[in-house]
């Protein structure tokens, strides 16, 4: 069985700071030899469907007139 991991107040504070304000994402705690060695925070930004549709409409180009040519 692995070593027991003890989390002192400093690490508790660091973990809390990583979680603070995180709306969408993940906090990964890296442990080596029973000790926390790294905290990684990955944050995602999500936008509502209406904003995505408006953005897609703004970036679309005008349709090109068909020439009737066929391509293999």
N, C-alpha and C. Protein backbone atom coordinates (compact mmCIF):
# COMPACT_ATOMS: atom_id res chain seq x y z
N UNK A 1 0.83 -1.17 0.00
CA UNK A 1 0.00 0.00 0.00
C UNK A 1 0.88 1.24 0.00
N UNK A 2 0.41 2.34 -0.61
CA UNK A 2 1.18 3.57 -0.74
C UNK A 2 1.34 4.30 0.58
N UNK A 3 2.21 5.28 0.53
CA UNK A 3 2.44 6.10 1.71
C UNK A 3 1.22 6.96 2.00
N UNK A 4 1.03 7.27 3.27
CA UNK A 4 -0.06 8.15 3.68
C UNK A 4 0.28 9.59 3.31
N UNK A 5 -0.67 10.28 2.72
CA UNK A 5 -0.47 11.66 2.30
C UNK A 5 -1.05 12.60 3.33
N UNK A 6 -0.21 13.49 3.82
CA UNK A 6 -0.66 14.49 4.77
C UNK A 6 -0.69 15.84 4.07
N UNK A 7 -1.81 16.55 4.22
CA UNK A 7 -1.96 17.86 3.61
C UNK A 7 -1.95 18.90 4.72
N UNK A 8 -0.89 19.71 4.75
CA UNK A 8 -0.81 20.74 5.78
C UNK A 8 -1.61 21.97 5.36
N UNK A 9 -1.61 22.99 6.19
CA UNK A 9 -2.41 24.19 5.94
C UNK A 9 -1.95 24.92 4.68
N UNK A 10 -0.64 24.92 4.42
CA UNK A 10 -0.11 25.58 3.23
C UNK A 10 -0.68 24.96 1.96
N UNK A 11 -0.65 23.61 1.88
CA UNK A 11 -1.18 22.94 0.70
C UNK A 11 -2.68 23.10 0.60
N UNK A 12 -3.37 23.08 1.71
CA UNK A 12 -4.83 23.31 1.70
C UNK A 12 -5.13 24.69 1.12
N UNK A 13 -4.33 25.68 1.51
CA UNK A 13 -4.52 27.03 1.00
C UNK A 13 -4.24 27.09 -0.50
N UNK A 14 -3.17 26.45 -0.94
CA UNK A 14 -2.83 26.45 -2.37
C UNK A 14 -3.91 25.77 -3.20
N UNK A 15 -4.45 24.67 -2.70
CA UNK A 15 -5.52 23.97 -3.41
C UNK A 15 -6.77 24.84 -3.47
N UNK A 16 -7.11 25.48 -2.36
CA UNK A 16 -8.27 26.37 -2.32
C UNK A 16 -8.10 27.53 -3.30
N UNK A 17 -6.90 28.10 -3.37
CA UNK A 17 -6.64 29.20 -4.30
C UNK A 17 -6.80 28.74 -5.76
N UNK A 18 -6.40 27.51 -6.03
CA UNK A 18 -6.54 26.98 -7.39
C UNK A 18 -8.01 26.78 -7.76
N UNK A 19 -8.82 26.43 -6.78
CA UNK A 19 -10.24 26.21 -7.02
C UNK A 19 -11.05 27.51 -7.04
N UNK A 20 -10.53 28.53 -6.38
CA UNK A 20 -11.25 29.79 -6.25
C UNK A 20 -11.51 30.42 -7.62
N UNK A 21 -12.77 30.71 -7.91
CA UNK A 21 -13.15 31.36 -9.16
C UNK A 21 -13.23 30.44 -10.35
N UNK A 22 -12.99 29.16 -10.17
CA UNK A 22 -13.03 28.21 -11.28
C UNK A 22 -14.47 27.84 -11.57
N UNK A 23 -14.96 28.24 -12.75
CA UNK A 23 -16.35 27.94 -13.12
C UNK A 23 -16.44 26.62 -13.88
N UNK A 24 -15.56 26.44 -14.87
CA UNK A 24 -15.48 25.19 -15.63
C UNK A 24 -14.01 24.84 -15.75
N UNK A 25 -13.66 23.63 -15.42
CA UNK A 25 -12.27 23.22 -15.56
C UNK A 25 -11.91 22.13 -14.58
N UNK A 26 -10.61 22.03 -14.32
CA UNK A 26 -10.12 20.97 -13.45
C UNK A 26 -8.90 21.44 -12.68
N UNK A 27 -8.74 20.89 -11.49
CA UNK A 27 -7.54 21.10 -10.70
C UNK A 27 -6.95 19.71 -10.47
N UNK A 28 -5.72 19.54 -10.91
CA UNK A 28 -5.05 18.24 -10.79
C UNK A 28 -3.91 18.38 -9.79
N UNK A 29 -3.87 17.48 -8.83
CA UNK A 29 -2.84 17.49 -7.80
C UNK A 29 -1.89 16.33 -8.10
N UNK A 30 -0.62 16.68 -8.32
CA UNK A 30 0.39 15.67 -8.66
C UNK A 30 1.13 15.28 -7.38
N UNK A 31 1.18 13.97 -7.12
CA UNK A 31 1.81 13.43 -5.91
C UNK A 31 2.94 12.49 -6.33
N UNK A 32 4.12 12.69 -5.74
CA UNK A 32 5.26 11.79 -5.95
C UNK A 32 5.76 11.36 -4.58
N UNK A 33 5.89 10.08 -4.44
CA UNK A 33 6.45 9.51 -3.21
C UNK A 33 5.72 10.02 -1.96
N UNK A 34 4.39 10.13 -2.06
CA UNK A 34 3.58 10.51 -0.91
C UNK A 34 3.59 12.00 -0.59
N UNK A 35 4.14 12.82 -1.50
CA UNK A 35 4.20 14.27 -1.28
C UNK A 35 3.59 15.00 -2.47
N UNK A 36 2.84 16.06 -2.21
CA UNK A 36 2.33 16.89 -3.29
C UNK A 36 3.51 17.67 -3.86
N UNK A 37 3.67 17.59 -5.18
CA UNK A 37 4.78 18.28 -5.82
C UNK A 37 4.30 19.33 -6.83
N UNK A 38 3.02 19.25 -7.23
CA UNK A 38 2.56 20.17 -8.26
C UNK A 38 1.04 20.25 -8.24
N UNK A 39 0.52 21.43 -8.56
CA UNK A 39 -0.91 21.62 -8.74
C UNK A 39 -1.10 22.24 -10.12
N UNK A 40 -1.95 21.63 -10.94
CA UNK A 40 -2.23 22.14 -12.28
C UNK A 40 -3.69 22.57 -12.34
N UNK A 41 -3.93 23.74 -12.92
CA UNK A 41 -5.28 24.26 -13.07
C UNK A 41 -5.55 24.44 -14.57
N UNK A 42 -6.61 23.80 -15.03
CA UNK A 42 -7.04 23.94 -16.42
C UNK A 42 -8.40 24.60 -16.39
N UNK A 43 -8.51 25.74 -17.05
CA UNK A 43 -9.77 26.49 -17.03
C UNK A 43 -10.38 26.50 -18.43
N UNK A 44 -11.67 26.30 -18.49
CA UNK A 44 -12.42 26.32 -19.74
C UNK A 44 -13.35 27.52 -19.75
N UNK A 45 -13.58 28.05 -20.92
CA UNK A 45 -14.56 29.13 -21.07
C UNK A 45 -15.72 28.59 -21.89
N UNK A 46 -16.91 28.73 -21.39
CA UNK A 46 -18.08 28.26 -22.11
C UNK A 46 -18.96 29.45 -22.43
N UNK A 47 -19.54 29.41 -23.61
CA UNK A 47 -20.39 30.48 -24.07
C UNK A 47 -21.75 29.91 -24.41
N UNK A 48 -22.79 30.70 -24.22
CA UNK A 48 -24.13 30.18 -24.49
C UNK A 48 -24.33 29.97 -25.99
N UNK A 49 -25.33 29.18 -26.33
CA UNK A 49 -25.59 28.79 -27.71
C UNK A 49 -25.84 30.01 -28.60
N UNK A 50 -26.59 30.99 -28.12
CA UNK A 50 -26.91 32.16 -28.93
C UNK A 50 -25.66 32.93 -29.33
N UNK A 51 -24.74 33.07 -28.43
CA UNK A 51 -23.49 33.77 -28.74
C UNK A 51 -22.69 33.00 -29.79
N UNK A 52 -22.69 31.67 -29.72
CA UNK A 52 -21.98 30.87 -30.72
C UNK A 52 -22.59 31.02 -32.10
N UNK A 53 -23.92 31.02 -32.16
CA UNK A 53 -24.60 31.16 -33.45
C UNK A 53 -24.28 32.52 -34.05
N UNK A 54 -24.32 33.58 -33.26
CA UNK A 54 -24.01 34.92 -33.75
C UNK A 54 -22.56 34.98 -34.24
N UNK A 55 -21.66 34.34 -33.53
CA UNK A 55 -20.26 34.34 -33.93
C UNK A 55 -20.08 33.60 -35.25
N UNK A 56 -20.76 32.46 -35.40
CA UNK A 56 -20.65 31.69 -36.64
C UNK A 56 -21.21 32.47 -37.81
N UNK A 57 -22.32 33.14 -37.62
CA UNK A 57 -22.92 33.94 -38.69
C UNK A 57 -22.00 35.08 -39.10
N UNK A 58 -21.31 35.67 -38.15
CA UNK A 58 -20.42 36.79 -38.44
C UNK A 58 -19.18 36.33 -39.21
N UNK A 59 -18.76 35.09 -39.03
CA UNK A 59 -17.53 34.62 -39.68
C UNK A 59 -17.80 33.88 -40.99
N UNK A 60 -19.06 33.59 -41.30
CA UNK A 60 -19.37 32.87 -42.54
C UNK A 60 -19.19 33.79 -43.73
N UNK A 61 -18.74 33.20 -44.85
CA UNK A 61 -18.61 33.95 -46.09
C UNK A 61 -19.88 33.81 -46.91
N UNK A 62 -20.03 34.68 -47.89
CA UNK A 62 -21.20 34.62 -48.76
C UNK A 62 -21.10 33.37 -49.62
N UNK A 63 -22.25 32.75 -49.96
CA UNK A 63 -22.21 31.55 -50.80
C UNK A 63 -21.67 31.87 -52.20
N UNK A 64 -20.96 30.91 -52.78
CA UNK A 64 -20.41 31.06 -54.12
C UNK A 64 -21.39 30.47 -55.10
N UNK A 65 -21.60 31.17 -56.24
CA UNK A 65 -22.53 30.70 -57.24
C UNK A 65 -22.00 29.42 -57.87
N UNK A 66 -22.90 28.44 -58.04
CA UNK A 66 -22.51 27.17 -58.63
C UNK A 66 -22.22 27.34 -60.09
N UNK A 67 -21.19 26.67 -60.59
CA UNK A 67 -20.80 26.78 -62.00
C UNK A 67 -21.34 25.63 -62.82
N UNK A 68 -21.83 24.62 -62.18
CA UNK A 68 -22.34 23.47 -62.91
C UNK A 68 -21.26 22.46 -63.23
N UNK A 69 -20.01 22.78 -62.91
CA UNK A 69 -18.91 21.84 -63.18
C UNK A 69 -18.92 20.75 -62.12
N UNK A 70 -18.58 19.55 -62.55
CA UNK A 70 -18.50 18.43 -61.61
C UNK A 70 -17.03 18.08 -61.41
N UNK A 71 -16.74 17.79 -60.18
CA UNK A 71 -15.38 17.40 -59.83
C UNK A 71 -15.39 15.99 -59.29
N UNK A 72 -14.37 15.22 -59.62
CA UNK A 72 -14.33 13.81 -59.14
C UNK A 72 -14.19 13.71 -57.65
